[in-house]
Amino acid sequence: MVAERTTLRDPARFISYSLSKLGDLRHLLLARSHCHSILARTNFRDPFLNKGPQATRSRVSMAGLLTDDALTEDFYRLGYCKIKGAIPPSVIAEFSTAIANDLASQDPPIDIHSPTTWPQNNKTRVAESAPTGLHPFWPRLLTAPKLAAALDSIVGLDRWELNPNPVEPGVRHWYCPVTFPEQSCAQPSASAISEASSRPALFHNCSTDVALHGPITHPSRWQPVNRRRFLNSGWHIDVGPGFPNAGVRTMAGDERQGPVILVLMSDCPRGYGGTAFVQGSHLPVLSYLRDADVASGGVSHEDLNAEFALRMRCLTETGRVRIECENPGEGMVGVVQACGEAGDVVLLHPLVVHSGTTNCSSDVVRVMANGMARMKGGEGGEVDVVLERSLTYLGSGGGGEALFEECTGEDKKEAALLKAKKEKEKEKEKRERVKRERAVKKREKELRQLS
């Protein structure tokens, strides 16, 4: 027992000692009961998780599953990591069916398998679904072993949780953006899909892109895009389920702003509408948030988002944003895309700047589930360990260094004019929507009177 008490004072020795004794039920229970408290007291600064760029490449979680600390390294240095085959095929199939049924019930109905029902012309290419918590696949999705092991490694044991969507209308923890092809065209060749070429990001709408460069005929033409199909105007940082846009973000973090979870519900090769993100962008965002916290007690999510959307615009307009480029060079930023097979999961740092993209396939619909892990407090009451750990990676060369630069006064003035223009467009859309709704109600009333 003296040896056990001595081991308990040192987290690394304790974990190694307990794992060596897992065949003994007494030591297994000891490991489960004491591991969390030991890691919490040391603020998770154990040799497995907090060695920065020199982190060890593998570890064993307390769940008994082998995980790769390369995931943790990529998450904190680059801002993302990918878990292959994280979600079982049966869960993907059930979830996908729920999404398809939901889209078929919308007005107008969309049949994923019928291209004639897909959005065309100037309509947005993204439809949304948010299956309720009544579906039986939720428990198996939220407890998938590979996903749980990765979150244990990145966030910490018993420091996160995943919630299903509510049964009744309320704060949704997951939503499913379904991205349809930009236009019907000939099926691209295999070489067109496999060839990756670094190229500059564009800044205009999709119609202009087609007019300048011809029809979008293969995936090598993909670009970041917003819901209104304006290229490179959809860059944002996720707010978190239930967190208000006007809410103040600080270095203390918030339980609603854990790692972003992107579940690929369909195969997503390059150029098929996968989420794009700026590699290493979480670090300049983190630096900005830290400075704002010190200077004024934080910054609203709305202002934080606007600041980095503006910086991305400045870099785009000066040709310093390179697509499909992991090593963009000094003064540049590189944009990569979340690609993979159905069941793969991509985890994004909560401060990563990301965007939707054009689906340049001819007949493939990209289906994805987007959620966020909810943070749980430690024994000392602290909520967010992700932001604190991320500080150790500032200056590690994640690839987003150009985003540290502020935009000029002229850039900000132009951005303010653009924002005002967008607000006017939103108001116009709102008035038109109200007008349509009134017309529908009037017509329904007339039909009732006639009957």
Protein backbone atom coordinates (compact mmCIF):
# COMPACT_ATOMS: atom_id res chain seq x y z
CA MET A 1 0.00 0.00 0.00
CA VAL A 2 2.92 2.36 0.57
CA ALA A 3 3.94 1.89 -3.06
CA GLU A 4 0.36 2.60 -4.16
CA ARG A 5 0.17 5.83 -2.13
CA THR A 6 3.49 7.00 -3.55
CA THR A 7 2.35 6.24 -7.10
CA LEU A 8 -0.89 8.18 -6.57
CA ARG A 9 1.07 11.42 -6.09
CA ASP A 10 2.51 11.24 -9.61
CA PRO A 11 -0.02 11.10 -12.50
CA ALA A 12 2.28 9.50 -15.06
CA ARG A 13 3.45 6.76 -12.68
CA PHE A 14 -0.09 6.21 -11.46
CA ILE A 15 -1.51 5.73 -14.95
CA SER A 16 1.33 3.41 -15.98
CA TYR A 17 1.04 1.46 -12.72
CA SER A 18 -2.75 1.11 -12.99
CA LEU A 19 -2.65 0.02 -16.61
CA SER A 20 -0.13 -2.67 -15.75
CA LYS A 21 -2.57 -4.01 -13.18
CA LEU A 22 -5.77 -3.95 -15.24
CA GLY A 23 -6.06 -7.70 -14.88
CA ASP A 24 -6.64 -7.14 -11.16
CA LEU A 25 -10.20 -5.90 -10.60
CA ARG A 26 -9.12 -4.04 -7.45
CA HIS A 27 -6.63 -1.93 -9.42
CA LEU A 28 -9.11 -1.39 -12.24
CA LEU A 29 -11.60 0.13 -9.80
CA LEU A 30 -8.78 2.15 -8.23
CA ALA A 31 -7.83 3.55 -11.64
CA ARG A 32 -11.39 4.51 -12.49
CA SER A 33 -12.06 6.20 -9.16
CA HIS A 34 -8.81 8.18 -8.88
CA CYS A 35 -7.64 8.99 -12.41
CA HIS A 36 -10.00 11.91 -13.01
CA SER A 37 -9.21 13.61 -9.71
CA ILE A 38 -5.46 13.30 -10.24
CA LEU A 39 -5.59 14.76 -13.76
CA ALA A 40 -7.87 17.57 -12.60
CA ARG A 41 -5.51 18.53 -9.77
CA THR A 42 -2.63 18.73 -12.22
CA ASN A 43 -4.78 20.71 -14.71
CA PHE A 44 -4.22 17.88 -17.21
CA ARG A 45 -0.54 18.76 -17.57
CA ASP A 46 0.40 15.12 -17.81
CA PRO A 47 3.16 13.79 -20.08
CA PHE A 48 0.65 12.21 -22.49
CA LEU A 49 -1.32 15.36 -23.32
CA ASN A 50 0.75 18.48 -22.81
CA LYS A 51 4.12 18.25 -24.48
CA GLY A 52 3.24 20.63 -27.30
CA PRO A 53 4.84 19.85 -30.64
CA GLN A 54 6.88 17.02 -29.10
CA ALA A 55 3.82 15.10 -27.86
CA THR A 56 4.11 11.31 -27.74
CA ARG A 57 2.48 9.60 -30.68
CA SER A 58 0.29 7.06 -28.89
CA ARG A 59 -1.38 6.37 -25.57
CA VAL A 60 -3.95 4.12 -23.93
CA SER A 61 -7.13 5.78 -22.68
CA MET A 62 -8.81 4.76 -19.45
CA ALA A 63 -11.54 3.18 -21.60
CA GLY A 64 -8.92 0.64 -22.64
CA LEU A 65 -8.87 1.83 -26.26
CA LEU A 66 -5.70 2.60 -28.17
CA THR A 67 -5.69 6.17 -29.41
CA ASP A 68 -3.13 8.16 -31.36
CA ASP A 69 -1.82 11.32 -29.73
CA ALA A 70 -1.07 12.53 -33.23
CA LEU A 71 -4.79 13.45 -33.25
CA THR A 72 -4.27 15.68 -30.23
CA GLU A 73 -1.15 17.19 -31.74
CA ASP A 74 -2.94 17.99 -35.01
CA PHE A 75 -5.95 19.40 -33.18
CA TYR A 76 -3.96 21.88 -31.12
CA ARG A 77 -1.30 22.82 -33.69
CA LEU A 78 -3.25 22.74 -36.97
CA GLY A 79 -6.76 23.26 -35.59
CA TYR A 80 -8.28 19.99 -36.80
CA CYS A 81 -7.88 16.21 -36.83
CA LYS A 82 -9.64 13.34 -38.56
CA ILE A 83 -10.89 10.06 -37.05
CA LYS A 84 -11.43 7.42 -39.71
CA GLY A 85 -14.39 5.07 -39.33
CA ALA A 86 -15.50 6.68 -36.07
CA ILE A 87 -19.23 6.08 -36.52
CA PRO A 88 -20.63 2.59 -37.30
CA PRO A 89 -22.30 2.11 -40.73
CA SER A 90 -25.63 1.16 -39.13
CA VAL A 91 -25.78 4.51 -37.33
CA ILE A 92 -24.88 6.39 -40.53
CA ALA A 93 -27.62 4.55 -42.43
CA GLU A 94 -30.32 5.30 -39.82
CA PHE A 95 -29.25 8.93 -39.41
CA SER A 96 -29.17 9.45 -43.19
CA THR A 97 -32.67 8.01 -43.54
CA ALA A 98 -33.95 10.42 -40.89
CA ILE A 99 -32.38 13.36 -42.76
CA ALA A 100 -33.83 12.23 -46.09
CA ASN A 101 -37.32 11.84 -44.58
CA ASP A 102 -37.09 15.29 -43.00
CA LEU A 103 -36.11 16.93 -46.30
CA ALA A 104 -38.96 15.13 -48.07
CA SER A 105 -41.42 16.65 -45.59
CA GLN A 106 -40.21 20.24 -46.09
CA ASP A 107 -41.89 22.82 -48.31
CA PRO A 108 -40.99 22.47 -51.09
CA PRO A 109 -40.12 18.79 -50.62
CA ILE A 110 -36.63 17.64 -51.59
CA ASP A 111 -35.89 14.07 -52.60
CA ILE A 112 -32.17 13.37 -52.18
CA HIS A 113 -32.43 10.70 -54.87
CA SER A 114 -34.31 12.86 -57.40
CA PRO A 115 -32.22 15.64 -59.03
CA THR A 116 -35.34 17.35 -60.40
CA THR A 117 -36.23 18.34 -56.82
CA TRP A 118 -32.79 19.77 -55.98
CA PRO A 119 -32.21 23.54 -55.68
CA GLN A 120 -31.49 25.12 -59.05
CA ASN A 121 -30.64 28.46 -60.63
CA ASN A 122 -29.98 31.18 -58.02
CA LYS A 123 -31.36 29.26 -55.05
CA THR A 124 -29.10 28.31 -52.15
CA ARG A 125 -27.53 24.89 -52.61
CA VAL A 126 -27.77 24.02 -48.92
CA ALA A 127 -30.81 22.52 -47.20
CA GLU A 128 -30.89 21.91 -43.44
CA SER A 129 -32.27 19.12 -41.31
CA ALA A 130 -32.19 18.63 -37.53
CA PRO A 131 -33.58 15.20 -36.58
CA THR A 132 -35.19 15.23 -33.13
CA GLY A 133 -34.00 13.27 -30.12
CA LEU A 134 -36.72 10.65 -30.66
CA HIS A 135 -34.62 8.71 -33.16
CA PRO A 136 -33.00 5.51 -31.78
CA PHE A 137 -29.59 6.11 -33.39
CA TRP A 138 -28.61 8.94 -31.00
CA PRO A 139 -27.20 6.83 -28.12
CA ARG A 140 -24.97 4.86 -30.48
CA LEU A 141 -23.74 8.03 -32.20
CA LEU A 142 -23.00 9.88 -28.97
CA THR A 143 -21.13 6.95 -27.38
CA ALA A 144 -19.16 5.77 -30.43
CA PRO A 145 -15.89 4.40 -28.94
CA LYS A 146 -13.43 5.95 -31.42
CA LEU A 147 -15.01 9.40 -31.09
CA ALA A 148 -15.09 9.13 -27.30
CA ALA A 149 -11.44 8.06 -27.14
CA ALA A 150 -10.38 11.01 -29.32
CA LEU A 151 -12.31 13.51 -27.17
CA ASP A 152 -10.82 11.96 -24.03
CA SER A 153 -7.36 12.54 -25.45
CA ILE A 154 -8.04 16.09 -26.69
CA VAL A 155 -10.25 17.48 -23.93
CA GLY A 156 -9.66 15.17 -20.97
CA LEU A 157 -11.38 12.29 -19.24
CA ASP A 158 -14.87 13.17 -18.00
CA ARG A 159 -14.52 16.76 -19.22
CA TRP A 160 -16.96 16.63 -22.13
CA GLU A 161 -20.37 15.32 -23.09
CA LEU A 162 -22.46 14.98 -26.24
CA ASN A 163 -26.19 15.66 -26.25
CA PRO A 164 -28.89 14.65 -28.75
CA ASN A 165 -31.27 17.15 -30.24
CA PRO A 166 -34.30 17.91 -28.05
CA VAL A 167 -37.56 16.05 -28.63
CA GLU A 168 -39.52 19.30 -28.60
CA PRO A 169 -38.41 22.52 -30.35
CA GLY A 170 -35.53 24.15 -28.49
CA VAL A 171 -31.76 24.58 -28.67
CA ARG A 172 -30.47 22.14 -31.26
CA HIS A 173 -27.16 20.47 -30.50
CA TRP A 174 -26.81 19.09 -34.02
CA TYR A 175 -27.86 20.27 -37.44
CA CYS A 176 -27.30 18.61 -40.78
CA PRO A 177 -26.38 20.77 -43.78
CA VAL A 178 -27.08 18.95 -47.04
CA THR A 179 -25.08 20.42 -49.93
CA PHE A 180 -26.37 19.91 -53.48
CA PRO A 181 -24.33 20.18 -56.71
CA GLU A 182 -23.84 23.65 -58.15
CA GLN A 183 -25.01 22.50 -61.55
CA SER A 184 -25.66 19.32 -63.45
CA CYS A 185 -22.74 18.46 -65.68
CA ALA A 186 -20.78 15.57 -67.11
CA GLN A 187 -19.30 13.24 -64.52
CA PRO A 188 -15.68 14.29 -63.89
CA SER A 189 -12.88 11.95 -64.74
CA ALA A 190 -10.94 10.14 -62.04
CA SER A 191 -7.87 12.21 -62.83
CA ALA A 192 -9.83 15.42 -62.28
CA ILE A 193 -10.84 14.22 -58.84
CA SER A 194 -7.38 13.11 -57.76
CA GLU A 195 -5.35 16.03 -59.07
CA ALA A 196 -4.84 18.64 -56.34
CA SER A 197 -3.59 22.06 -57.33
CA SER A 198 -2.91 24.98 -55.02
CA ARG A 199 -4.68 28.06 -56.37
CA PRO A 200 -5.91 31.45 -55.11
CA ALA A 201 -9.31 31.91 -53.53
CA LEU A 202 -11.78 33.98 -55.54
CA PHE A 203 -14.07 36.74 -54.31
CA HIS A 204 -17.27 36.99 -56.36
CA ASN A 205 -20.53 35.10 -56.81
CA CYS A 206 -20.87 31.69 -58.45
CA SER A 207 -22.49 33.11 -61.58
CA THR A 208 -19.47 35.37 -62.13
CA ASP A 209 -17.16 32.40 -61.63
CA VAL A 210 -18.99 30.50 -64.37
CA ALA A 211 -18.97 33.55 -66.67
CA LEU A 212 -15.22 34.08 -66.19
CA HIS A 213 -13.99 30.50 -66.16
CA GLY A 214 -16.73 28.44 -67.79
CA PRO A 215 -19.05 25.77 -66.35
CA ILE A 216 -18.01 24.06 -63.15
CA THR A 217 -17.21 20.65 -64.60
CA HIS A 218 -14.91 18.97 -62.09
CA PRO A 219 -14.04 19.09 -58.37
CA SER A 220 -10.77 20.95 -58.86
CA ARG A 221 -12.89 24.12 -59.23
CA TRP A 222 -14.27 24.13 -55.67
CA GLN A 223 -14.25 27.36 -53.66
CA PRO A 224 -15.36 28.41 -50.16
CA VAL A 225 -18.86 29.89 -50.39
CA ASN A 226 -21.65 31.27 -48.20
CA ARG A 227 -25.29 30.18 -48.25
CA ARG A 228 -26.09 32.87 -50.81
CA ARG A 229 -23.45 31.46 -53.17
CA PHE A 230 -20.96 34.30 -52.82
CA LEU A 231 -17.45 32.92 -52.97
CA ASN A 232 -15.20 33.36 -49.93
CA SER A 233 -17.83 35.32 -48.02
CA GLY A 234 -18.90 32.57 -45.63
CA TRP A 235 -15.90 32.45 -43.27
CA HIS A 236 -16.95 32.22 -39.64
CA ILE A 237 -16.27 30.82 -36.17
CA ASP A 238 -18.97 28.63 -34.64
CA VAL A 239 -20.91 30.25 -31.82
CA GLY A 240 -22.01 27.11 -29.93
CA PRO A 241 -25.54 25.78 -29.27
CA GLY A 242 -27.49 28.30 -27.18
CA PHE A 243 -24.67 30.86 -26.94
CA PRO A 244 -25.95 34.29 -28.10
CA ASN A 245 -24.20 36.09 -30.95
CA ALA A 246 -23.96 39.14 -28.70
CA GLY A 247 -22.55 37.05 -25.85
CA VAL A 248 -19.04 37.89 -24.62
CA ARG A 249 -16.30 35.34 -25.21
CA THR A 250 -13.36 35.24 -22.81
CA MET A 251 -10.36 33.04 -22.11
CA ALA A 252 -12.41 31.30 -19.42
CA GLY A 253 -14.37 29.69 -22.24
CA ASP A 254 -17.96 28.50 -22.09
CA GLU A 255 -19.42 25.04 -21.62
CA ARG A 256 -21.29 25.42 -24.93
CA GLN A 257 -18.11 25.91 -26.97
CA GLY A 258 -16.18 22.66 -27.10
CA PRO A 259 -14.63 21.01 -30.17
CA VAL A 260 -16.70 21.19 -33.36
CA ILE A 261 -17.72 17.71 -34.56
CA LEU A 262 -18.25 17.10 -38.27
CA VAL A 263 -19.69 13.65 -38.99
CA LEU A 264 -19.50 12.67 -42.67
CA MET A 265 -22.84 11.01 -43.44
CA SER A 266 -21.87 10.40 -47.06
CA ASP A 267 -18.61 9.83 -48.92
CA CYS A 268 -17.03 13.22 -49.54
CA PRO A 269 -14.11 13.30 -52.02
CA ARG A 270 -12.28 16.51 -52.78
CA GLY A 271 -14.56 19.14 -54.32
CA TYR A 272 -17.84 17.53 -53.27
CA GLY A 273 -18.93 20.22 -50.80
CA GLY A 274 -16.83 19.35 -47.75
CA THR A 275 -16.26 22.01 -45.08
CA ALA A 276 -13.21 24.20 -45.73
CA PHE A 277 -11.06 25.57 -42.93
CA VAL A 278 -8.01 27.78 -42.62
CA GLN A 279 -5.22 25.67 -41.22
CA GLY A 280 -3.83 27.13 -38.00
CA SER A 281 -6.41 29.95 -37.88
CA HIS A 282 -7.40 29.11 -34.29
CA LEU A 283 -4.09 30.48 -33.02
CA PRO A 284 -4.44 34.11 -34.25
CA VAL A 285 -8.09 34.01 -33.09
CA LEU A 286 -6.88 32.78 -29.70
CA SER A 287 -4.29 35.57 -29.51
CA TYR A 288 -6.93 38.18 -30.39
CA LEU A 289 -9.32 36.77 -27.76
CA ARG A 290 -6.59 36.75 -25.11
CA ASP A 291 -5.70 40.39 -25.79
CA ALA A 292 -9.36 41.42 -25.75
CA ASP A 293 -9.86 39.58 -22.48
CA VAL A 294 -6.96 41.43 -20.86
CA ALA A 295 -7.91 44.83 -22.31
CA SER A 296 -11.68 44.84 -21.88
CA GLY A 297 -12.88 41.59 -20.35
CA GLY A 298 -13.54 39.82 -23.63
CA VAL A 299 -15.18 40.37 -27.01
CA SER A 300 -18.66 39.55 -28.30
CA HIS A 301 -18.89 36.55 -30.57
CA GLU A 302 -20.43 38.77 -33.22
CA ASP A 303 -17.44 41.14 -33.20
CA LEU A 304 -14.92 38.29 -33.07
CA ASN A 305 -16.56 36.69 -36.08
CA ALA A 306 -16.70 39.97 -37.98
CA GLU A 307 -13.02 40.72 -37.30
CA PHE A 308 -11.76 37.47 -38.79
CA ALA A 309 -14.25 37.46 -41.66
CA LEU A 310 -12.79 40.87 -42.53
CA ARG A 311 -9.21 39.62 -42.25
CA MET A 312 -10.04 36.71 -44.55
CA ARG A 313 -11.55 39.11 -47.06
CA CYS A 314 -8.43 41.31 -46.98
CA LEU A 315 -6.19 38.29 -47.56
CA THR A 316 -8.45 36.97 -50.33
CA GLU A 317 -8.54 40.26 -52.22
CA THR A 318 -4.75 40.52 -52.10
CA GLY A 319 -4.26 36.96 -53.38
CA ARG A 320 -2.89 35.59 -50.12
CA VAL A 321 -5.40 32.77 -49.56
CA ARG A 322 -4.35 29.51 -51.20
CA ILE A 323 -6.81 26.66 -51.64
CA GLU A 324 -5.66 23.07 -51.14
CA CYS A 325 -2.39 24.18 -49.65
CA GLU A 326 -1.02 22.94 -46.33
CA ASN A 327 2.22 24.93 -46.65
CA PRO A 328 1.16 28.29 -48.11
CA GLY A 329 4.39 30.17 -47.42
CA GLU A 330 5.14 33.38 -45.55
CA GLY A 331 2.37 35.97 -45.57
CA MET A 332 -0.18 33.49 -46.92
CA VAL A 333 -2.84 31.23 -45.42
CA GLY A 334 -3.77 27.76 -46.63
CA VAL A 335 -7.30 26.40 -46.97
CA VAL A 336 -7.94 22.66 -46.72
CA GLN A 337 -11.15 20.67 -47.04
CA ALA A 338 -12.81 18.05 -44.83
CA CYS A 339 -12.84 14.97 -47.06
CA GLY A 340 -13.34 11.31 -46.29
CA GLU A 341 -15.76 8.42 -46.25
CA ALA A 342 -19.14 8.05 -44.59
CA GLY A 343 -18.53 7.42 -40.88
CA ASP A 344 -15.35 9.50 -40.67
CA VAL A 345 -15.33 12.38 -38.18
CA VAL A 346 -13.38 15.64 -38.41
CA LEU A 347 -12.85 17.53 -35.15
CA LEU A 348 -12.26 21.28 -35.39
CA HIS A 349 -10.83 23.54 -32.71
CA PRO A 350 -13.69 25.80 -31.50
CA LEU A 351 -11.84 28.91 -32.74
CA VAL A 352 -11.01 27.65 -36.25
CA VAL A 353 -12.16 29.87 -39.11
CA HIS A 354 -14.15 27.74 -41.56
CA SER A 355 -16.71 27.88 -44.35
CA GLY A 356 -19.01 25.86 -46.58
CA THR A 357 -17.85 25.10 -50.12
CA THR A 358 -19.29 24.58 -53.58
CA ASN A 359 -20.29 21.02 -54.45
CA CYS A 360 -18.68 20.57 -57.86
CA SER A 361 -19.90 17.02 -58.43
CA SER A 362 -22.56 16.36 -61.04
CA ASP A 363 -24.92 14.12 -59.11
CA VAL A 364 -23.62 13.54 -55.57
CA VAL A 365 -25.33 15.11 -52.55
CA ARG A 366 -23.05 15.78 -49.58
CA VAL A 367 -24.68 14.99 -46.22
CA MET A 368 -23.04 15.92 -42.91
CA ALA A 369 -23.96 16.23 -39.24
CA ASN A 370 -22.49 19.23 -37.41
CA GLY A 371 -22.37 19.31 -33.61
CA MET A 372 -20.27 20.63 -30.75
CA ALA A 373 -19.00 18.88 -27.64
CA ARG A 374 -20.27 20.38 -24.39
CA MET A 375 -17.55 21.06 -21.83
CA LYS A 376 -17.81 19.82 -18.24
CA GLY A 377 -16.22 21.55 -15.28
CA GLY A 378 -13.29 20.09 -13.38
CA GLU A 379 -13.00 19.68 -9.63
CA GLY A 380 -11.72 23.24 -9.32
CA GLY A 381 -14.74 24.62 -11.18
CA GLU A 382 -12.81 25.46 -14.36
CA VAL A 383 -14.77 24.82 -17.55
CA ASP A 384 -12.52 25.15 -20.58
CA VAL A 385 -9.18 23.37 -20.83
CA VAL A 386 -9.00 23.63 -24.63
CA LEU A 387 -8.19 27.35 -24.72
CA GLU A 388 -5.58 27.06 -21.98
CA ARG A 389 -3.79 24.19 -23.70
CA SER A 390 -3.93 26.03 -27.00
CA LEU A 391 -1.82 28.87 -25.56
CA THR A 392 1.19 26.56 -25.49
CA TYR A 393 0.94 26.25 -29.29
CA LEU A 394 1.14 29.97 -30.08
CA GLY A 395 4.17 30.40 -32.33
CA SER A 396 4.27 26.71 -33.28
CA GLY A 397 3.73 27.48 -36.99
CA GLY A 398 0.27 26.04 -37.56
CA GLY A 399 -0.11 27.84 -40.91
CA GLY A 400 -2.45 30.73 -40.11
CA GLU A 401 0.17 33.32 -39.18
CA ALA A 402 -1.00 35.85 -41.80
CA LEU A 403 -4.29 36.16 -39.90
CA PHE A 404 -2.44 37.90 -37.07
CA GLU A 405 -2.36 41.00 -39.29
CA GLU A 406 -5.08 43.61 -38.81
CA CYS A 407 -6.83 45.13 -41.82
CA THR A 408 -6.33 48.78 -42.77
CA GLY A 409 -8.80 51.57 -42.11
CA GLU A 410 -9.93 51.56 -45.75
CA ASP A 411 -10.63 47.84 -45.53
CA LYS A 412 -12.74 48.36 -42.42
CA LYS A 413 -14.64 51.20 -44.06
CA GLU A 414 -15.43 49.05 -47.06
CA ALA A 415 -16.46 46.19 -44.78
CA ALA A 416 -18.85 48.50 -42.91
CA LEU A 417 -20.47 49.53 -46.21
CA LEU A 418 -20.76 45.88 -47.23
CA LYS A 419 -22.33 45.01 -43.87
CA ALA A 420 -24.89 47.81 -44.28
CA LYS A 421 -25.70 46.55 -47.77
CA LYS A 422 -26.22 43.02 -46.47
CA GLU A 423 -28.50 44.30 -43.70
CA LYS A 424 -30.64 46.08 -46.31
CA GLU A 425 -30.80 42.89 -48.36
CA LYS A 426 -31.90 40.92 -45.30
CA GLU A 427 -34.64 43.45 -44.56
CA LYS A 428 -35.80 43.27 -48.18
CA GLU A 429 -35.90 39.46 -48.02
CA LYS A 430 -37.85 39.64 -44.76
CA ARG A 431 -40.44 41.99 -46.29
CA GLU A 432 -40.79 39.75 -49.34
CA ARG A 433 -41.19 36.67 -47.15
CA VAL A 434 -43.91 38.36 -45.08
CA LYS A 435 -45.63 39.44 -48.30
CA ARG A 436 -45.58 35.85 -49.62
CA GLU A 437 -46.92 34.47 -46.35
CA ARG A 438 -49.77 36.96 -46.37
CA ALA A 439 -50.60 36.05 -49.96
CA VAL A 440 -50.70 32.35 -49.05
CA LYS A 441 -52.99 33.00 -46.07
CA LYS A 442 -55.26 35.18 -48.21
CA ARG A 443 -55.48 32.45 -50.83
CA GLU A 444 -56.24 29.81 -48.20
CA LYS A 445 -58.99 32.00 -46.78
CA GLU A 446 -60.52 32.47 -50.25
CA LEU A 447 -60.47 28.71 -50.87
CA ARG A 448 -62.19 28.05 -47.53
CA GLN A 449 -64.92 30.54 -48.39
CA LEU A 450 -65.46 28.93 -51.79
CA SER A 451 -65.78 25.48 -50.22
